[in-house]
Full PDB file with SEQRES, HELIX, SHEET, SSBOND, CRYST1, ORIGX, SCALE, CONECT and MASTER records, all heavy atoms in Angstrom:
SEQRES   1 A   29  ARG LEU TYR LYS ASN LEU LEU TYR LEU GLY ARG GLU TYR          
SEQRES   2 A   29  PRO LYS GLY GLY ASP TYR PHE ARG ASP ARG LEU ARG SER          
SEQRES   3 A   29  ALA PHE SER                                                  
HELIX    1 AA1 LEU A    2  LEU A    9  1                                   8    
HELIX    2 AA2 GLY A   10  GLU A   12  5                                   3    
HELIX    3 AA3 GLY A   17  PHE A   28  1                                  12    
CRYST1    1.000    1.000    1.000  90.00  90.00  90.00 P 1           1          
ORIGX1      1.000000  0.000000  0.000000        0.00000                         
ORIGX2      0.000000  1.000000  0.000000        0.00000                         
ORIGX3      0.000000  0.000000  1.000000        0.00000                         
SCALE1      1.000000  0.000000  0.000000        0.00000                         
SCALE2      0.000000  1.000000  0.000000        0.00000                         
SCALE3      0.000000  0.000000  1.000000        0.00000                         
ATOM      1  N   ARG A   1      -0.084  11.691   5.651  1.00  0.00           N  
ATOM      2  CA  ARG A   1       0.175  10.816   6.806  1.00  0.00           C  
ATOM      3  C   ARG A   1      -0.545   9.426   6.614  1.00  0.00           C  
ATOM      4  O   ARG A   1       0.070   8.382   6.856  1.00  0.00           O  
ATOM      5  CB  ARG A   1      -0.300  11.509   8.100  1.00  0.00           C  
ATOM      6  CG  ARG A   1      -0.044  10.617   9.358  1.00  0.00           C  
ATOM      7  CD  ARG A   1      -0.846  11.140  10.559  1.00  0.00           C  
ATOM      8  NE  ARG A   1      -2.256  11.318  10.309  1.00  0.00           N  
ATOM      9  CZ  ARG A   1      -3.160  10.363  10.330  1.00  0.00           C  
ATOM     10  NH1 ARG A   1      -2.770   9.137  10.512  1.00  0.00           N  
ATOM     11  NH2 ARG A   1      -4.429  10.569  10.097  1.00  0.00           N  
ATOM     12  N   LEU A   2      -1.780   9.545   6.151  1.00  0.00           N  
ATOM     13  CA  LEU A   2      -2.555   8.278   5.955  1.00  0.00           C  
ATOM     14  C   LEU A   2      -1.903   7.441   4.860  1.00  0.00           C  
ATOM     15  O   LEU A   2      -1.776   6.276   5.013  1.00  0.00           O  
ATOM     16  CB  LEU A   2      -4.015   8.600   5.558  1.00  0.00           C  
ATOM     17  CG  LEU A   2      -4.898   7.456   5.224  1.00  0.00           C  
ATOM     18  CD1 LEU A   2      -5.110   6.524   6.432  1.00  0.00           C  
ATOM     19  CD2 LEU A   2      -6.247   7.930   4.687  1.00  0.00           C  
ATOM     20  N   TYR A   3      -1.449   8.106   3.774  1.00  0.00           N  
ATOM     21  CA  TYR A   3      -0.794   7.378   2.688  1.00  0.00           C  
ATOM     22  C   TYR A   3       0.496   6.691   3.204  1.00  0.00           C  
ATOM     23  O   TYR A   3       0.735   5.485   2.943  1.00  0.00           O  
ATOM     24  CB  TYR A   3      -0.439   8.346   1.520  1.00  0.00           C  
ATOM     25  CG  TYR A   3       0.163   7.705   0.367  1.00  0.00           C  
ATOM     26  CD1 TYR A   3      -0.623   6.976  -0.564  1.00  0.00           C  
ATOM     27  CD2 TYR A   3       1.536   7.681   0.139  1.00  0.00           C  
ATOM     28  CE1 TYR A   3      -0.056   6.395  -1.682  1.00  0.00           C  
ATOM     29  CE2 TYR A   3       2.079   7.072  -0.997  1.00  0.00           C  
ATOM     30  CZ  TYR A   3       1.310   6.409  -1.848  1.00  0.00           C  
ATOM     31  OH  TYR A   3       1.845   5.763  -2.913  1.00  0.00           O  
ATOM     32  N   LYS A   4       1.282   7.402   3.942  1.00  0.00           N  
ATOM     33  CA  LYS A   4       2.564   6.817   4.508  1.00  0.00           C  
ATOM     34  C   LYS A   4       2.228   5.697   5.452  1.00  0.00           C  
ATOM     35  O   LYS A   4       2.940   4.603   5.430  1.00  0.00           O  
ATOM     36  CB  LYS A   4       3.384   7.877   5.142  1.00  0.00           C  
ATOM     37  CG  LYS A   4       4.027   8.873   4.212  1.00  0.00           C  
ATOM     38  CD  LYS A   4       4.898   9.825   4.975  1.00  0.00           C  
ATOM     39  CE  LYS A   4       5.558  10.790   3.988  1.00  0.00           C  
ATOM     40  NZ  LYS A   4       6.443  11.776   4.700  1.00  0.00           N  
ATOM     41  N   ASN A   5       1.234   5.825   6.279  1.00  0.00           N  
ATOM     42  CA  ASN A   5       0.834   4.785   7.215  1.00  0.00           C  
ATOM     43  C   ASN A   5       0.360   3.559   6.490  1.00  0.00           C  
ATOM     44  O   ASN A   5       0.805   2.399   6.855  1.00  0.00           O  
ATOM     45  CB  ASN A   5      -0.199   5.263   8.139  1.00  0.00           C  
ATOM     46  CG  ASN A   5      -0.550   4.328   9.242  1.00  0.00           C  
ATOM     47  OD1 ASN A   5       0.290   3.508   9.663  1.00  0.00           O  
ATOM     48  ND2 ASN A   5      -1.748   4.370   9.761  1.00  0.00           N  
ATOM     49  N   LEU A   6      -0.476   3.716   5.478  1.00  0.00           N  
ATOM     50  CA  LEU A   6      -0.950   2.560   4.661  1.00  0.00           C  
ATOM     51  C   LEU A   6       0.232   1.915   3.891  1.00  0.00           C  
ATOM     52  O   LEU A   6       0.243   0.701   3.783  1.00  0.00           O  
ATOM     53  CB  LEU A   6      -2.039   2.995   3.744  1.00  0.00           C  
ATOM     54  CG  LEU A   6      -3.403   3.241   4.433  1.00  0.00           C  
ATOM     55  CD1 LEU A   6      -4.359   3.883   3.424  1.00  0.00           C  
ATOM     56  CD2 LEU A   6      -3.966   1.947   4.948  1.00  0.00           C  
ATOM     57  N   LEU A   7       1.122   2.721   3.403  1.00  0.00           N  
ATOM     58  CA  LEU A   7       2.250   2.208   2.697  1.00  0.00           C  
ATOM     59  C   LEU A   7       3.122   1.324   3.616  1.00  0.00           C  
ATOM     60  O   LEU A   7       3.564   0.263   3.218  1.00  0.00           O  
ATOM     61  CB  LEU A   7       3.102   3.368   2.073  1.00  0.00           C  
ATOM     62  CG  LEU A   7       4.030   3.014   1.004  1.00  0.00           C  
ATOM     63  CD1 LEU A   7       3.377   2.369  -0.195  1.00  0.00           C  
ATOM     64  CD2 LEU A   7       4.744   4.289   0.541  1.00  0.00           C  
ATOM     65  N   TYR A   8       3.318   1.776   4.843  1.00  0.00           N  
ATOM     66  CA  TYR A   8       4.045   1.038   5.822  1.00  0.00           C  
ATOM     67  C   TYR A   8       3.367  -0.268   6.174  1.00  0.00           C  
ATOM     68  O   TYR A   8       3.967  -1.331   6.236  1.00  0.00           O  
ATOM     69  CB  TYR A   8       4.287   1.958   7.074  1.00  0.00           C  
ATOM     70  CG  TYR A   8       4.991   1.179   8.195  1.00  0.00           C  
ATOM     71  CD1 TYR A   8       6.337   0.983   8.152  1.00  0.00           C  
ATOM     72  CD2 TYR A   8       4.265   0.685   9.289  1.00  0.00           C  
ATOM     73  CE1 TYR A   8       6.974   0.308   9.148  1.00  0.00           C  
ATOM     74  CE2 TYR A   8       4.913   0.013  10.307  1.00  0.00           C  
ATOM     75  CZ  TYR A   8       6.221  -0.171  10.252  1.00  0.00           C  
ATOM     76  OH  TYR A   8       6.918  -0.860  11.278  1.00  0.00           O  
ATOM     77  N   LEU A   9       2.027  -0.182   6.397  1.00  0.00           N  
ATOM     78  CA  LEU A   9       1.282  -1.394   6.766  1.00  0.00           C  
ATOM     79  C   LEU A   9       1.276  -2.362   5.600  1.00  0.00           C  
ATOM     80  O   LEU A   9       1.206  -3.595   5.787  1.00  0.00           O  
ATOM     81  CB  LEU A   9      -0.137  -1.025   7.143  1.00  0.00           C  
ATOM     82  CG  LEU A   9      -0.255  -0.302   8.444  1.00  0.00           C  
ATOM     83  CD1 LEU A   9      -1.738   0.179   8.613  1.00  0.00           C  
ATOM     84  CD2 LEU A   9       0.079  -1.246   9.613  1.00  0.00           C  
ATOM     85  N   GLY A  10       1.327  -1.911   4.381  1.00  0.00           N  
ATOM     86  CA  GLY A  10       1.212  -2.780   3.221  1.00  0.00           C  
ATOM     87  C   GLY A  10       2.451  -3.648   2.961  1.00  0.00           C  
ATOM     88  O   GLY A  10       2.363  -4.542   2.115  1.00  0.00           O  
ATOM     89  N   ARG A  11       3.521  -3.353   3.642  1.00  0.00           N  
ATOM     90  CA  ARG A  11       4.740  -4.174   3.449  1.00  0.00           C  
ATOM     91  C   ARG A  11       4.528  -5.629   3.793  1.00  0.00           C  
ATOM     92  O   ARG A  11       5.155  -6.495   3.118  1.00  0.00           O  
ATOM     93  CB  ARG A  11       5.898  -3.564   4.277  1.00  0.00           C  
ATOM     94  CG  ARG A  11       6.319  -2.231   3.873  1.00  0.00           C  
ATOM     95  CD  ARG A  11       7.540  -1.751   4.691  1.00  0.00           C  
ATOM     96  NE  ARG A  11       7.313  -2.023   6.076  1.00  0.00           N  
ATOM     97  CZ  ARG A  11       8.228  -2.082   7.036  1.00  0.00           C  
ATOM     98  NH1 ARG A  11       9.457  -1.972   6.698  1.00  0.00           N  
ATOM     99  NH2 ARG A  11       7.907  -2.314   8.304  1.00  0.00           N  
ATOM    100  N   GLU A  12       3.683  -5.908   4.755  1.00  0.00           N  
ATOM    101  CA  GLU A  12       3.420  -7.264   5.190  1.00  0.00           C  
ATOM    102  C   GLU A  12       2.145  -7.852   4.560  1.00  0.00           C  
ATOM    103  O   GLU A  12       1.676  -8.942   5.020  1.00  0.00           O  
ATOM    104  CB  GLU A  12       3.329  -7.324   6.681  1.00  0.00           C  
ATOM    105  CG  GLU A  12       4.608  -6.959   7.427  1.00  0.00           C  
ATOM    106  CD  GLU A  12       4.401  -6.996   8.900  1.00  0.00           C  
ATOM    107  OE1 GLU A  12       3.617  -7.851   9.403  1.00  0.00           O  
ATOM    108  OE2 GLU A  12       5.016  -6.187   9.581  1.00  0.00           O  
ATOM    109  N   TYR A  13       1.575  -7.281   3.570  1.00  0.00           N  
ATOM    110  CA  TYR A  13       0.338  -7.719   2.967  1.00  0.00           C  
ATOM    111  C   TYR A  13       0.528  -9.106   2.425  1.00  0.00           C  
ATOM    112  O   TYR A  13       1.506  -9.393   1.799  1.00  0.00           O  
ATOM    113  CB  TYR A  13      -0.099  -6.675   1.885  1.00  0.00           C  
ATOM    114  CG  TYR A  13      -1.555  -6.882   1.481  1.00  0.00           C  
ATOM    115  CD1 TYR A  13      -2.591  -6.634   2.301  1.00  0.00           C  
ATOM    116  CD2 TYR A  13      -1.823  -7.396   0.233  1.00  0.00           C  
ATOM    117  CE1 TYR A  13      -3.926  -6.789   1.931  1.00  0.00           C  
ATOM    118  CE2 TYR A  13      -3.142  -7.613  -0.188  1.00  0.00           C  
ATOM    119  CZ  TYR A  13      -4.153  -7.259   0.644  1.00  0.00           C  
ATOM    120  OH  TYR A  13      -5.448  -7.464   0.244  1.00  0.00           O  
ATOM    121  N   PRO A  14      -0.441 -10.018   2.608  1.00  0.00           N  
ATOM    122  CA  PRO A  14      -0.290 -11.418   2.180  1.00  0.00           C  
ATOM    123  C   PRO A  14      -0.012 -11.587   0.702  1.00  0.00           C  
ATOM    124  O   PRO A  14       0.692 -12.512   0.256  1.00  0.00           O  
ATOM    125  CB  PRO A  14      -1.629 -12.067   2.522  1.00  0.00           C  
ATOM    126  CG  PRO A  14      -2.192 -11.215   3.634  1.00  0.00           C  
ATOM    127  CD  PRO A  14      -1.649  -9.840   3.379  1.00  0.00           C  
ATOM    128  N   LYS A  15      -0.512 -10.685  -0.204  1.00  0.00           N  
ATOM    129  CA  LYS A  15      -0.306 -10.824  -1.605  1.00  0.00           C  
ATOM    130  C   LYS A  15       0.999 -10.139  -2.073  1.00  0.00           C  
ATOM    131  O   LYS A  15       1.341 -10.122  -3.270  1.00  0.00           O  
ATOM    132  CB  LYS A  15      -1.410 -10.273  -2.418  1.00  0.00           C  
ATOM    133  CG  LYS A  15      -2.708 -11.118  -2.394  1.00  0.00           C  
ATOM    134  CD  LYS A  15      -3.692 -10.611  -3.373  1.00  0.00           C  
ATOM    135  CE  LYS A  15      -4.930 -11.567  -3.410  1.00  0.00           C  
ATOM    136  NZ  LYS A  15      -5.883 -11.159  -4.401  1.00  0.00           N  
ATOM    137  N   GLY A  16       1.656  -9.500  -1.107  1.00  0.00           N  
ATOM    138  CA  GLY A  16       2.975  -8.865  -1.387  1.00  0.00           C  
ATOM    139  C   GLY A  16       2.838  -7.340  -1.334  1.00  0.00           C  
ATOM    140  O   GLY A  16       1.824  -6.742  -1.534  1.00  0.00           O  
ATOM    141  N   GLY A  17       3.968  -6.763  -0.979  1.00  0.00           N  
ATOM    142  CA  GLY A  17       4.049  -5.311  -0.831  1.00  0.00           C  
ATOM    143  C   GLY A  17       3.833  -4.571  -2.163  1.00  0.00           C  
ATOM    144  O   GLY A  17       3.247  -3.502  -2.197  1.00  0.00           O  
ATOM    145  N   ASP A  18       4.340  -5.143  -3.268  1.00  0.00           N  
ATOM    146  CA  ASP A  18       4.248  -4.469  -4.584  1.00  0.00           C  
ATOM    147  C   ASP A  18       2.761  -4.388  -4.991  1.00  0.00           C  
ATOM    148  O   ASP A  18       2.317  -3.376  -5.511  1.00  0.00           O  
ATOM    149  CB  ASP A  18       5.070  -5.154  -5.601  1.00  0.00           C  
ATOM    150  CG  ASP A  18       6.527  -5.052  -5.417  1.00  0.00           C  
ATOM    151  OD1 ASP A  18       6.934  -4.077  -4.707  1.00  0.00           O  
ATOM    152  OD2 ASP A  18       7.286  -5.916  -5.801  1.00  0.00           O  
ATOM    153  N   TYR A  19       2.030  -5.530  -4.771  1.00  0.00           N  
ATOM    154  CA  TYR A  19       0.589  -5.555  -5.147  1.00  0.00           C  
ATOM    155  C   TYR A  19      -0.132  -4.519  -4.329  1.00  0.00           C  
ATOM    156  O   TYR A  19      -0.942  -3.753  -4.873  1.00  0.00           O  
ATOM    157  CB  TYR A  19       0.082  -6.910  -4.780  1.00  0.00           C  
ATOM    158  CG  TYR A  19      -1.442  -7.011  -4.941  1.00  0.00           C  
ATOM    159  CD1 TYR A  19      -2.010  -7.241  -6.202  1.00  0.00           C  
ATOM    160  CD2 TYR A  19      -2.245  -6.959  -3.811  1.00  0.00           C  
ATOM    161  CE1 TYR A  19      -3.396  -7.380  -6.322  1.00  0.00           C  
ATOM    162  CE2 TYR A  19      -3.630  -7.058  -3.960  1.00  0.00           C  
ATOM    163  CZ  TYR A  19      -4.173  -7.279  -5.223  1.00  0.00           C  
ATOM    164  OH  TYR A  19      -5.539  -7.413  -5.275  1.00  0.00           O  
ATOM    165  N   PHE A  20       0.142  -4.433  -2.992  1.00  0.00           N  
ATOM    166  CA  PHE A  20      -0.523  -3.427  -2.164  1.00  0.00           C  
ATOM    167  C   PHE A  20      -0.220  -2.015  -2.573  1.00  0.00           C  
ATOM    168  O   PHE A  20      -1.091  -1.173  -2.623  1.00  0.00           O  
ATOM    169  CB  PHE A  20      -0.208  -3.711  -0.710  1.00  0.00           C  
ATOM    170  CG  PHE A  20      -0.997  -2.815   0.264  1.00  0.00           C  
ATOM    171  CD1 PHE A  20      -2.215  -3.283   0.644  1.00  0.00           C  
ATOM    172  CD2 PHE A  20      -0.465  -1.653   0.679  1.00  0.00           C  
ATOM    173  CE1 PHE A  20      -2.965  -2.462   1.560  1.00  0.00           C  
ATOM    174  CE2 PHE A  20      -1.232  -0.859   1.579  1.00  0.00           C  
ATOM    175  CZ  PHE A  20      -2.444  -1.236   1.969  1.00  0.00           C  
ATOM    176  N   ARG A  21       1.030  -1.763  -2.821  1.00  0.00           N  
ATOM    177  CA  ARG A  21       1.470  -0.424  -3.237  1.00  0.00           C  
ATOM    178  C   ARG A  21       0.810   0.063  -4.499  1.00  0.00           C  
ATOM    179  O   ARG A  21       0.341   1.199  -4.610  1.00  0.00           O  
ATOM    180  CB  ARG A  21       3.010  -0.360  -3.345  1.00  0.00           C  
ATOM    181  CG  ARG A  21       3.535   1.112  -3.559  1.00  0.00           C  
ATOM    182  CD  ARG A  21       5.002   1.153  -3.604  1.00  0.00           C  
ATOM    183  NE  ARG A  21       5.556   0.243  -4.689  1.00  0.00           N  
ATOM    184  CZ  ARG A  21       6.406  -0.719  -4.469  1.00  0.00           C  
ATOM    185  NH1 ARG A  21       6.796  -1.019  -3.278  1.00  0.00           N  
ATOM    186  NH2 ARG A  21       6.862  -1.406  -5.485  1.00  0.00           N  
ATOM    187  N   ASP A  22       0.717  -0.822  -5.487  1.00  0.00           N  
ATOM    188  CA  ASP A  22       0.032  -0.512  -6.730  1.00  0.00           C  
ATOM    189  C   ASP A  22      -1.428  -0.199  -6.522  1.00  0.00           C  
ATOM    190  O   ASP A  22      -1.928   0.799  -7.050  1.00  0.00           O  
ATOM    191  CB  ASP A  22       0.197  -1.638  -7.765  1.00  0.00           C  
ATOM    192  CG  ASP A  22       1.619  -1.838  -8.188  1.00  0.00           C  
ATOM    193  OD1 ASP A  22       2.432  -0.907  -8.052  1.00  0.00           O  
ATOM    194  OD2 ASP A  22       1.951  -2.886  -8.727  1.00  0.00           O  
ATOM    195  N   ARG A  23      -2.105  -1.021  -5.728  1.00  0.00           N  
ATOM    196  CA  ARG A  23      -3.472  -0.716  -5.401  1.00  0.00           C  
ATOM    197  C   ARG A  23      -3.698   0.554  -4.632  1.00  0.00           C  
ATOM    198  O   ARG A  23      -4.666   1.313  -4.840  1.00  0.00           O  
ATOM    199  CB  ARG A  23      -4.086  -1.905  -4.621  1.00  0.00           C  
ATOM    200  CG  ARG A  23      -4.110  -3.255  -5.256  1.00  0.00           C  
ATOM    201  CD  ARG A  23      -5.213  -3.403  -6.280  1.00  0.00           C  
ATOM    202  NE  ARG A  23      -6.481  -3.147  -5.696  1.00  0.00           N  
ATOM    203  CZ  ARG A  23      -7.395  -4.077  -5.488  1.00  0.00           C  
ATOM    204  NH1 ARG A  23      -7.218  -5.305  -5.791  1.00  0.00           N  
ATOM    205  NH2 ARG A  23      -8.570  -3.735  -4.978  1.00  0.00           N  
ATOM    206  N   LEU A  24      -2.812   0.778  -3.715  1.00  0.00           N  
ATOM    207  CA  LEU A  24      -2.817   2.001  -2.866  1.00  0.00           C  
ATOM    208  C   LEU A  24      -2.634   3.295  -3.739  1.00  0.00           C  
ATOM    209  O   LEU A  24      -3.360   4.249  -3.692  1.00  0.00           O  
ATOM    210  CB  LEU A  24      -1.823   1.969  -1.775  1.00  0.00           C  
ATOM    211  CG  LEU A  24      -1.768   3.132  -0.842  1.00  0.00           C  
ATOM    212  CD1 LEU A  24      -2.985   3.278  -0.021  1.00  0.00           C  
ATOM    213  CD2 LEU A  24      -0.530   3.080   0.063  1.00  0.00           C  
ATOM    214  N   ARG A  25      -1.681   3.228  -4.635  1.00  0.00           N  
ATOM    215  CA  ARG A  25      -1.368   4.329  -5.488  1.00  0.00           C  
ATOM    216  C   ARG A  25      -2.573   4.567  -6.401  1.00  0.00           C  
ATOM    217  O   ARG A  25      -2.960   5.775  -6.631  1.00  0.00           O  
ATOM    218  CB  ARG A  25      -0.136   4.049  -6.309  1.00  0.00           C  
ATOM    219  CG  ARG A  25       0.334   5.264  -7.204  1.00  0.00           C  
ATOM    220  CD  ARG A  25       1.597   4.942  -7.880  1.00  0.00           C  
ATOM    221  NE  ARG A  25       2.682   4.775  -6.962  1.00  0.00           N  
ATOM    222  CZ  ARG A  25       3.696   3.821  -7.051  1.00  0.00           C  
ATOM    223  NH1 ARG A  25       3.656   2.988  -8.095  1.00  0.00           N  
ATOM    224  NH2 ARG A  25       4.602   3.747  -6.149  1.00  0.00           N  
ATOM    225  N   SER A  26      -3.152   3.587  -6.926  1.00  0.00           N  
ATOM    226  CA  SER A  26      -4.302   3.768  -7.848  1.00  0.00           C  
ATOM    227  C   SER A  26      -5.473   4.339  -7.071  1.00  0.00           C  
ATOM    228  O   SER A  26      -6.266   5.192  -7.624  1.00  0.00           O  
ATOM    229  CB  SER A  26      -4.653   2.445  -8.598  1.00  0.00           C  
ATOM    230  OG  SER A  26      -5.210   1.522  -7.714  1.00  0.00           O  
ATOM    231  N   ALA A  27      -5.749   3.893  -5.822  1.00  0.00           N  
ATOM    232  CA  ALA A  27      -6.882   4.394  -5.021  1.00  0.00           C  
ATOM    233  C   ALA A  27      -6.635   5.889  -4.783  1.00  0.00           C  
ATOM    234  O   ALA A  27      -7.618   6.627  -4.800  1.00  0.00           O  
ATOM    235  CB  ALA A  27      -6.990   3.606  -3.813  1.00  0.00           C  
ATOM    236  N   PHE A  28      -5.418   6.274  -4.371  1.00  0.00           N  
ATOM    237  CA  PHE A  28      -5.202   7.715  -4.085  1.00  0.00           C  
ATOM    238  C   PHE A  28      -5.252   8.553  -5.351  1.00  0.00           C  
ATOM    239  O   PHE A  28      -5.698   9.711  -5.338  1.00  0.00           O  
ATOM    240  CB  PHE A  28      -3.873   7.855  -3.298  1.00  0.00           C  
ATOM    241  CG  PHE A  28      -3.978   7.717  -1.854  1.00  0.00           C  
ATOM    242  CD1 PHE A  28      -4.135   6.509  -1.246  1.00  0.00           C  
ATOM    243  CD2 PHE A  28      -4.004   8.834  -1.017  1.00  0.00           C  
ATOM    244  CE1 PHE A  28      -4.266   6.339   0.084  1.00  0.00           C  
ATOM    245  CE2 PHE A  28      -4.165   8.738   0.335  1.00  0.00           C  
ATOM    246  CZ  PHE A  28      -4.292   7.519   0.916  1.00  0.00           C  
ATOM    247  N   SER A  29      -4.714   7.999  -6.416  1.00  0.00           N  
ATOM    248  CA  SER A  29      -4.761   8.766  -7.729  1.00  0.00           C  
ATOM    249  C   SER A  29      -6.148   8.973  -8.229  1.00  0.00           C  
ATOM    250  O   SER A  29      -6.476  10.024  -8.791  1.00  0.00           O  
ATOM    251  CB  SER A  29      -3.975   8.000  -8.735  1.00  0.00           C  
ATOM    252  OG  SER A  29      -2.581   7.941  -8.436  1.00  0.00           O  
TER     253      SER A  29                                                      
MASTER        0    0    0    3    0    0    0    6  252    1    0    3          
END                                                                             
C-alpha cells in the first residue's frame, strides 16, 4: 500500500515521475 501510494504521489515530482519511480524502486529493493 505504501509503495503504491508513493508511486502515485511521485507522478507530480518536480524532477519527473520516471526519476522518482527509479529512486523509489531502488529504495524498496
